[in-house]
Amino acid sequence: MTLPTPEAVSAVTITLAEYTDSRHAKDILALMDEYSRHPFGGGVPLPDRCWAELPAKLASFPGAFSVIAYSDGEAVGLVNCFTGFSTFACQPLVNIHDVIVSARVRGKGLCAEMLDFVAREAKKQGCCKLTMEVLEKNRIAQLAYRKAGFKPYTLDEEFGQAEFWQRYL
């Protein structure tokens, strides 16, 4: 899929990643490292273990898929996804785990285009919805996600929004 970028003459190409393709693997790692070094990604370099194992682990993980965006042959965006299951809808869903837009191309609508690509892929897989988590103070990402049709998760307004919790093992 090729899309015009709002403020540039060059086109952006968005594609499903092939984890065993050496270029895609390298690009996934570089974008993940850029994200990891950002304060919203933890503020530290991507761990050595990820550099050594991440593409192979993603390739072997059932339901994992990634979307990469390229501009002028350079990787500028990444969305990592995992298929899950909605017990309430009795259908699969896609959880969007990482959304990365390289700093050099932010503000040009790339996030929305990648999320639309993911939505089309999820529909092909028979999924009922997309889910994601976002940090409470990452207002720029929240705005981008709202523009792409996302909203905080609630079943009933009386009980409030769902929160994303974790427990390390």
Protein backbone atom coordinates (compact mmCIF):
# COMPACT_ATOMS: atom_id res chain seq x y z
CA MET A 1 0.00 0.00 0.00
CA THR A 2 1.44 3.39 -0.95
CA LEU A 3 0.11 6.57 0.62
CA PRO A 4 0.99 10.22 0.05
CA THR A 5 2.46 11.98 3.05
CA PRO A 6 0.82 15.32 3.94
CA GLU A 7 3.95 17.47 3.95
CA ALA A 8 6.24 15.59 1.62
CA VAL A 9 6.41 14.64 -2.03
CA SER A 10 7.70 11.14 -1.28
CA ALA A 11 5.32 8.26 -0.63
CA VAL A 12 5.06 6.02 2.39
CA THR A 13 4.78 2.27 1.91
CA ILE A 14 3.18 0.21 4.68
CA THR A 15 3.65 -3.55 4.70
CA LEU A 16 3.35 -6.63 6.89
CA ALA A 17 6.77 -7.51 8.26
CA GLU A 18 8.43 -10.80 7.45
CA TYR A 19 10.34 -11.61 10.65
CA THR A 20 12.76 -13.89 8.80
CA ASP A 21 13.65 -11.17 6.26
CA SER A 22 16.98 -9.69 7.37
CA ARG A 23 16.03 -6.14 6.38
CA HIS A 24 12.69 -6.27 8.18
CA ALA A 25 14.36 -7.78 11.25
CA LYS A 26 17.00 -5.02 11.28
CA ASP A 27 14.35 -2.33 10.83
CA ILE A 28 12.16 -3.74 13.62
CA LEU A 29 15.13 -3.70 15.99
CA ALA A 30 16.20 -0.17 15.03
CA LEU A 31 12.68 1.23 15.53
CA MET A 32 12.22 -0.67 18.79
CA ASP A 33 15.54 0.75 20.01
CA GLU A 34 14.44 4.29 19.10
CA TYR A 35 11.20 3.72 21.04
CA SER A 36 12.99 2.12 23.99
CA ARG A 37 15.34 5.11 24.31
CA HIS A 38 12.41 7.57 24.47
CA PRO A 39 11.09 8.38 27.98
CA PHE A 40 7.69 6.85 27.07
CA GLY A 41 9.51 3.63 26.11
CA GLY A 42 11.55 3.44 29.30
CA GLY A 43 14.42 5.77 28.39
CA VAL A 44 17.05 3.05 27.97
CA PRO A 45 18.52 1.24 24.96
CA LEU A 46 16.85 -1.94 23.78
CA PRO A 47 18.32 -4.83 25.82
CA ASP A 48 21.00 -7.00 24.22
CA ARG A 49 18.70 -10.03 24.48
CA CYS A 50 16.15 -8.28 22.26
CA TRP A 51 18.82 -7.38 19.71
CA ALA A 52 19.82 -11.05 19.60
CA GLU A 53 16.39 -12.75 19.78
CA LEU A 54 13.40 -10.49 19.12
CA PRO A 55 12.70 -11.16 15.40
CA ALA A 56 13.02 -14.94 15.86
CA LYS A 57 10.85 -14.89 18.99
CA LEU A 58 8.17 -12.87 17.17
CA ALA A 59 8.31 -15.28 14.21
CA SER A 60 7.70 -18.23 16.50
CA PHE A 61 4.97 -16.60 18.60
CA PRO A 62 1.46 -17.63 17.45
CA GLY A 63 -0.66 -14.67 16.41
CA ALA A 64 2.18 -12.12 16.30
CA PHE A 65 2.37 -9.75 13.36
CA SER A 66 4.04 -6.42 12.72
CA VAL A 67 3.47 -3.59 10.29
CA ILE A 68 6.42 -1.52 9.02
CA ALA A 69 6.21 1.85 7.26
CA TYR A 70 8.91 2.98 4.84
CA SER A 71 9.57 6.44 3.41
CA ASP A 72 12.16 6.74 0.65
CA GLY A 73 13.35 3.24 1.54
CA GLU A 74 13.91 4.11 5.21
CA ALA A 75 11.94 2.43 8.02
CA VAL A 76 9.97 5.18 9.80
CA GLY A 77 7.14 3.38 11.60
CA LEU A 78 6.31 0.11 13.32
CA VAL A 79 3.26 -1.45 14.95
CA ASN A 80 3.66 -4.77 16.80
CA CYS A 81 0.45 -6.75 17.26
CA PHE A 82 -0.75 -9.94 18.93
CA THR A 83 -3.96 -11.80 18.28
CA GLY A 84 -6.01 -12.48 21.39
CA PHE A 85 -9.59 -13.46 22.08
CA SER A 86 -12.67 -11.57 23.27
CA THR A 87 -14.78 -13.82 25.48
CA PHE A 88 -17.66 -11.31 25.39
CA ALA A 89 -17.76 -11.28 21.58
CA CYS A 90 -16.57 -14.89 21.20
CA GLN A 91 -14.19 -13.74 18.46
CA PRO A 92 -10.49 -13.02 18.07
CA LEU A 93 -9.15 -9.51 18.64
CA VAL A 94 -5.85 -7.78 17.95
CA ASN A 95 -3.91 -6.15 20.75
CA ILE A 96 -1.61 -3.42 19.51
CA HIS A 97 1.41 -3.68 21.75
CA ASP A 98 3.87 -1.13 20.31
CA VAL A 99 3.27 1.88 18.08
CA ILE A 100 6.40 3.64 16.90
CA VAL A 101 6.63 6.63 14.58
CA SER A 102 10.20 7.79 14.13
CA ALA A 103 10.79 11.30 15.47
CA ARG A 104 11.80 12.58 12.04
CA VAL A 105 8.32 11.92 10.55
CA ARG A 106 5.92 12.58 13.41
CA GLY A 107 2.93 14.82 12.84
CA LYS A 108 2.27 13.66 9.25
CA GLY A 109 -0.54 11.17 9.89
CA LEU A 110 1.61 8.04 9.70
CA CYS A 111 0.27 6.65 12.98
CA ALA A 112 -3.32 6.71 11.72
CA GLU A 113 -2.34 5.13 8.40
CA MET A 114 -0.51 2.28 10.15
CA LEU A 115 -3.43 1.72 12.54
CA ASP A 116 -5.85 1.64 9.60
CA PHE A 117 -3.60 -0.97 7.96
CA VAL A 118 -3.72 -3.02 11.19
CA ALA A 119 -7.53 -2.68 11.27
CA ARG A 120 -7.81 -4.03 7.74
CA GLU A 121 -5.53 -6.96 8.62
CA ALA A 122 -7.57 -7.66 11.77
CA LYS A 123 -10.79 -7.71 9.73
CA LYS A 124 -9.20 -10.23 7.34
CA GLN A 125 -8.50 -12.41 10.38
CA GLY A 126 -12.13 -12.17 11.56
CA CYS A 127 -11.33 -10.01 14.58
CA CYS A 128 -14.01 -8.03 16.41
CA LYS A 129 -11.85 -5.17 17.70
CA LEU A 130 -8.43 -3.65 18.29
CA THR A 131 -7.13 -3.01 21.79
CA MET A 132 -4.13 -1.07 23.03
CA GLU A 133 -2.70 0.53 26.12
CA VAL A 134 -1.31 4.04 26.34
CA LEU A 135 0.43 5.87 29.16
CA GLU A 136 -1.80 8.33 30.98
CA LYS A 137 0.56 11.27 30.35
CA ASN A 138 1.34 10.47 26.71
CA ARG A 139 -1.16 13.03 25.47
CA ILE A 140 0.29 13.22 21.95
CA ALA A 141 -0.20 9.48 21.44
CA GLN A 142 -3.68 9.65 22.97
CA LEU A 143 -4.64 12.39 20.52
CA ALA A 144 -3.30 10.36 17.58
CA TYR A 145 -5.18 7.26 18.75
CA ARG A 146 -8.43 9.20 19.20
CA LYS A 147 -8.05 10.59 15.66
CA ALA A 148 -7.68 6.98 14.49
CA GLY A 149 -10.97 6.01 16.17
CA PHE A 150 -9.79 4.65 19.52
CA LYS A 151 -11.26 5.61 22.87
CA PRO A 152 -10.77 4.54 26.49
CA TYR A 153 -12.29 1.15 27.27
CA THR A 154 -15.48 1.07 29.33
CA LEU A 155 -18.26 -1.48 29.62
CA ASP A 156 -20.51 0.83 31.63
CA GLU A 157 -19.75 4.52 32.30
CA GLU A 158 -20.99 4.06 35.88
CA PHE A 159 -18.00 1.81 36.61
CA GLY A 160 -15.41 3.93 34.82
CA GLN A 161 -12.58 3.16 32.44
CA ALA A 162 -10.59 -0.04 32.48
CA GLU A 163 -7.01 0.26 33.70
CA PHE A 164 -4.05 -1.70 32.38
CA TRP A 165 -2.21 -3.42 35.24
CA GLN A 166 0.82 -5.69 35.37
CA ARG A 167 2.66 -8.11 37.60
CA TYR A 168 6.23 -9.05 36.78
CA LEU A 169 7.18 -12.71 37.03
